[in-house]
Amino acid sequence: GTGDAGSYALALSDGGKILVGGYAQTSEEPIDLDFALARYDSDGILDTTFGSGGKTTTDFGSGIFGYDLAYALAVLDDGKILAGGYADNGSDYDFALARYDADGTLDATFGSGGKTTTDFGPGNDRSRALEVLYDGKVLAGGFASNSIDDDFALVRYNSDGTLDSTEGLDVSGL
């Protein structure tokens, strides 16, 4: 990045590798913060087989300030990586989720080009946690603003990144 960076999430992957997620500043004018992931070997050295030299950034793209921050990570059984947080949509923030292949490239079979966002309404929506369920579906939790105050927000995605609109919310596999 060209400036600030922050580490909000940690996860372990195969072989004791350490994933770190947060944000990295990728431009100064205008300021652009993108999802940022880095993977380290168990000895603390950047794993150069991941992303570019051990790091990768993801821009969700449409915001005025471009603040895209990852707050949660999960490693799937097949080695793919999920990062969840929020992204600037041009007027406020939306839940944001990105899925990567084990080498740090975006998984094009997930959402739109590896990314998906969810807007709950007129205010800021910020995902802070995610969980992969036994059936491969993904829960993302956080809060959504109704322009007056914040409410708890939860969304369930199908394994391909589309919203799961089935009735009820089965979390028995947690």
Protein backbone atom coordinates (compact mmCIF):
# COMPACT_ATOMS: atom_id res chain seq x y z
CA GLY A 1 0.00 0.00 0.00
CA THR A 2 0.91 3.68 -0.11
CA GLY A 3 0.01 4.61 3.45
CA ASP A 4 -1.89 3.33 6.46
CA ALA A 5 -2.71 -0.31 7.06
CA GLY A 6 -4.60 -2.09 9.90
CA SER A 7 -4.82 -5.78 11.15
CA TYR A 8 -8.40 -6.70 12.32
CA ALA A 9 -8.68 -10.47 11.72
CA LEU A 10 -6.60 -13.62 12.07
CA ALA A 11 -7.13 -17.19 10.85
CA LEU A 12 -5.01 -20.31 10.55
CA SER A 13 -4.82 -22.27 7.31
CA ASP A 14 -3.30 -25.62 6.31
CA GLY A 15 0.20 -26.27 7.57
CA GLY A 16 -0.02 -23.68 10.33
CA LYS A 17 0.04 -20.72 7.95
CA ILE A 18 -1.26 -17.48 9.44
CA LEU A 19 -3.73 -15.25 7.59
CA VAL A 20 -4.11 -11.61 8.60
CA GLY A 21 -6.92 -9.42 7.29
CA GLY A 22 -7.78 -5.74 7.51
CA TYR A 23 -7.18 -2.84 5.16
CA ALA A 24 -4.39 -1.18 3.24
CA GLN A 25 -4.29 2.32 1.81
CA THR A 26 -3.74 1.92 -1.92
CA SER A 27 -3.91 5.58 -3.01
CA GLU A 28 -3.56 8.98 -1.38
CA GLU A 29 -5.70 11.33 -3.48
CA PRO A 30 -8.46 10.43 -3.17
CA ILE A 31 -7.80 8.18 -0.19
CA ASP A 32 -8.60 4.57 -1.06
CA LEU A 33 -8.62 1.80 1.54
CA ASP A 34 -9.05 -1.77 0.28
CA PHE A 35 -9.55 -5.19 1.86
CA ALA A 36 -6.04 -6.45 2.59
CA LEU A 37 -4.89 -9.99 3.35
CA ALA A 38 -1.42 -11.29 4.08
CA ARG A 39 -0.35 -14.88 4.69
CA TYR A 40 2.67 -15.89 6.72
CA ASP A 41 4.41 -19.24 7.10
CA SER A 42 4.40 -20.66 10.63
CA ASP A 43 7.82 -19.03 11.18
CA GLY A 44 6.39 -15.53 10.57
CA ILE A 45 7.86 -15.00 7.10
CA LEU A 46 5.52 -13.83 4.32
CA ASP A 47 4.33 -16.76 2.20
CA THR A 48 5.31 -15.67 -1.32
CA THR A 49 3.00 -18.30 -2.88
CA PHE A 50 0.04 -16.18 -1.74
CA GLY A 51 -1.08 -13.12 -3.72
CA SER A 52 1.79 -10.86 -4.70
CA GLY A 53 4.74 -11.51 -2.42
CA GLY A 54 2.45 -12.80 0.33
CA LYS A 55 -0.17 -10.02 0.19
CA THR A 56 -3.32 -9.16 -1.74
CA THR A 57 -5.76 -6.25 -1.79
CA THR A 58 -9.34 -6.06 -3.03
CA ASP A 59 -11.13 -2.88 -4.10
CA PHE A 60 -14.94 -2.93 -4.07
CA GLY A 61 -14.82 0.24 -6.07
CA SER A 62 -17.83 2.50 -6.06
CA GLY A 63 -17.34 4.74 -3.06
CA ILE A 64 -16.44 8.38 -2.77
CA PHE A 65 -13.69 7.67 -0.25
CA GLY A 66 -13.28 4.01 -1.16
CA TYR A 67 -13.15 2.68 2.40
CA ASP A 68 -13.30 -1.13 2.09
CA LEU A 69 -12.29 -2.83 5.35
CA ALA A 70 -12.12 -6.55 6.20
CA TYR A 71 -13.00 -7.48 9.79
CA ALA A 72 -13.38 -11.27 9.65
CA LEU A 73 -11.68 -14.23 7.98
CA ALA A 74 -12.57 -17.89 7.53
CA VAL A 75 -10.68 -20.70 5.81
CA LEU A 76 -12.90 -23.27 4.07
CA ASP A 77 -12.26 -27.01 3.98
CA ASP A 78 -11.09 -26.75 0.35
CA GLY A 79 -8.53 -24.05 1.27
CA LYS A 80 -10.52 -21.13 -0.09
CA ILE A 81 -10.58 -18.00 2.06
CA LEU A 82 -13.52 -15.75 2.95
CA ALA A 83 -13.03 -12.16 4.07
CA GLY A 84 -15.96 -10.13 5.40
CA GLY A 85 -16.36 -6.52 6.38
CA TYR A 86 -17.81 -3.48 4.70
CA ALA A 87 -17.41 -1.41 1.54
CA ASP A 88 -18.28 2.16 0.54
CA ASN A 89 -21.11 2.18 -2.03
CA GLY A 90 -20.91 5.90 -2.84
CA SER A 91 -23.31 7.13 -0.17
CA ASP A 92 -22.83 4.78 2.82
CA TYR A 93 -21.36 1.40 3.72
CA ASP A 94 -22.67 -2.08 2.84
CA PHE A 95 -21.81 -5.54 4.12
CA ALA A 96 -19.02 -6.86 1.87
CA LEU A 97 -17.71 -10.36 1.35
CA ALA A 98 -14.90 -11.63 -0.86
CA ARG A 99 -13.76 -15.20 -1.51
CA TYR A 100 -10.25 -16.09 -2.59
CA ASP A 101 -8.66 -19.24 -3.92
CA ALA A 102 -5.90 -20.66 -1.72
CA ASP A 103 -3.28 -18.72 -3.73
CA GLY A 104 -4.89 -15.35 -2.89
CA THR A 105 -6.61 -14.67 -6.21
CA LEU A 106 -10.31 -13.77 -6.18
CA ASP A 107 -12.56 -16.79 -6.75
CA ALA A 108 -14.59 -15.82 -9.84
CA THR A 109 -17.24 -18.47 -9.03
CA PHE A 110 -18.31 -16.48 -5.95
CA GLY A 111 -20.65 -13.48 -6.17
CA SER A 112 -19.61 -11.12 -8.95
CA GLY A 113 -15.96 -11.74 -9.78
CA GLY A 114 -15.28 -13.00 -6.26
CA LYS A 115 -17.10 -10.25 -4.36
CA THR A 116 -20.60 -9.52 -3.08
CA THR A 117 -22.20 -6.68 -1.12
CA THR A 118 -25.48 -6.37 0.77
CA ASP A 119 -27.30 -3.10 1.47
CA PHE A 120 -29.76 -3.17 4.37
CA GLY A 121 -31.13 0.34 3.92
CA PRO A 122 -30.42 4.08 4.05
CA GLY A 123 -27.54 4.06 6.55
CA ASN A 124 -24.20 2.41 7.14
CA ASP A 125 -24.17 -1.41 7.25
CA ARG A 126 -21.03 -2.97 8.72
CA SER A 127 -20.29 -6.66 8.96
CA ARG A 128 -17.90 -7.61 11.77
CA ALA A 129 -18.16 -11.43 11.90
CA LEU A 130 -18.70 -14.40 9.64
CA GLU A 131 -19.22 -18.11 10.06
CA VAL A 132 -19.26 -20.92 7.51
CA LEU A 133 -22.10 -23.36 8.22
CA TYR A 134 -22.03 -27.14 7.85
CA ASP A 135 -23.78 -26.94 4.45
CA GLY A 136 -21.32 -24.39 3.01
CA LYS A 137 -23.62 -21.43 3.51
CA VAL A 138 -22.15 -18.33 5.13
CA LEU A 139 -23.52 -16.16 7.93
CA ALA A 140 -22.35 -12.56 8.17
CA GLY A 141 -23.27 -10.50 11.22
CA GLY A 142 -22.84 -6.92 12.26
CA PHE A 143 -25.01 -3.86 12.38
CA ALA A 144 -27.15 -1.77 10.07
CA SER A 145 -28.10 1.84 10.58
CA ASN A 146 -31.62 3.03 9.88
CA SER A 147 -30.31 6.64 9.86
CA ILE A 148 -31.40 7.08 13.51
CA ASP A 149 -29.65 4.26 15.34
CA ASP A 150 -27.93 0.94 14.72
CA ASP A 151 -29.66 -2.44 14.69
CA PHE A 152 -28.23 -5.96 14.77
CA ALA A 153 -27.97 -7.31 11.22
CA LEU A 154 -27.53 -10.87 9.99
CA VAL A 155 -27.46 -12.22 6.46
CA ARG A 156 -27.05 -15.72 5.10
CA TYR A 157 -25.40 -16.38 1.75
CA ASN A 158 -25.42 -19.49 -0.40
CA SER A 159 -22.00 -20.99 -1.04
CA ASP A 160 -21.82 -19.13 -4.38
CA GLY A 161 -22.24 -15.72 -2.72
CA THR A 162 -25.90 -15.16 -3.58
CA LEU A 163 -28.34 -14.25 -0.83
CA ASP A 164 -30.08 -17.25 0.73
CA SER A 165 -33.77 -16.39 0.69
CA THR A 166 -35.06 -19.68 2.09
CA GLU A 167 -37.37 -19.35 5.03
CA GLY A 168 -35.94 -19.66 8.52
CA LEU A 169 -32.37 -19.52 9.72
CA ASP A 170 -30.95 -22.91 10.68
CA VAL A 171 -27.80 -22.43 12.72
CA SER A 172 -27.82 -25.92 14.23
CA GLY A 173 -24.53 -26.74 12.56
CA LEU A 174 -22.57 -24.09 14.46
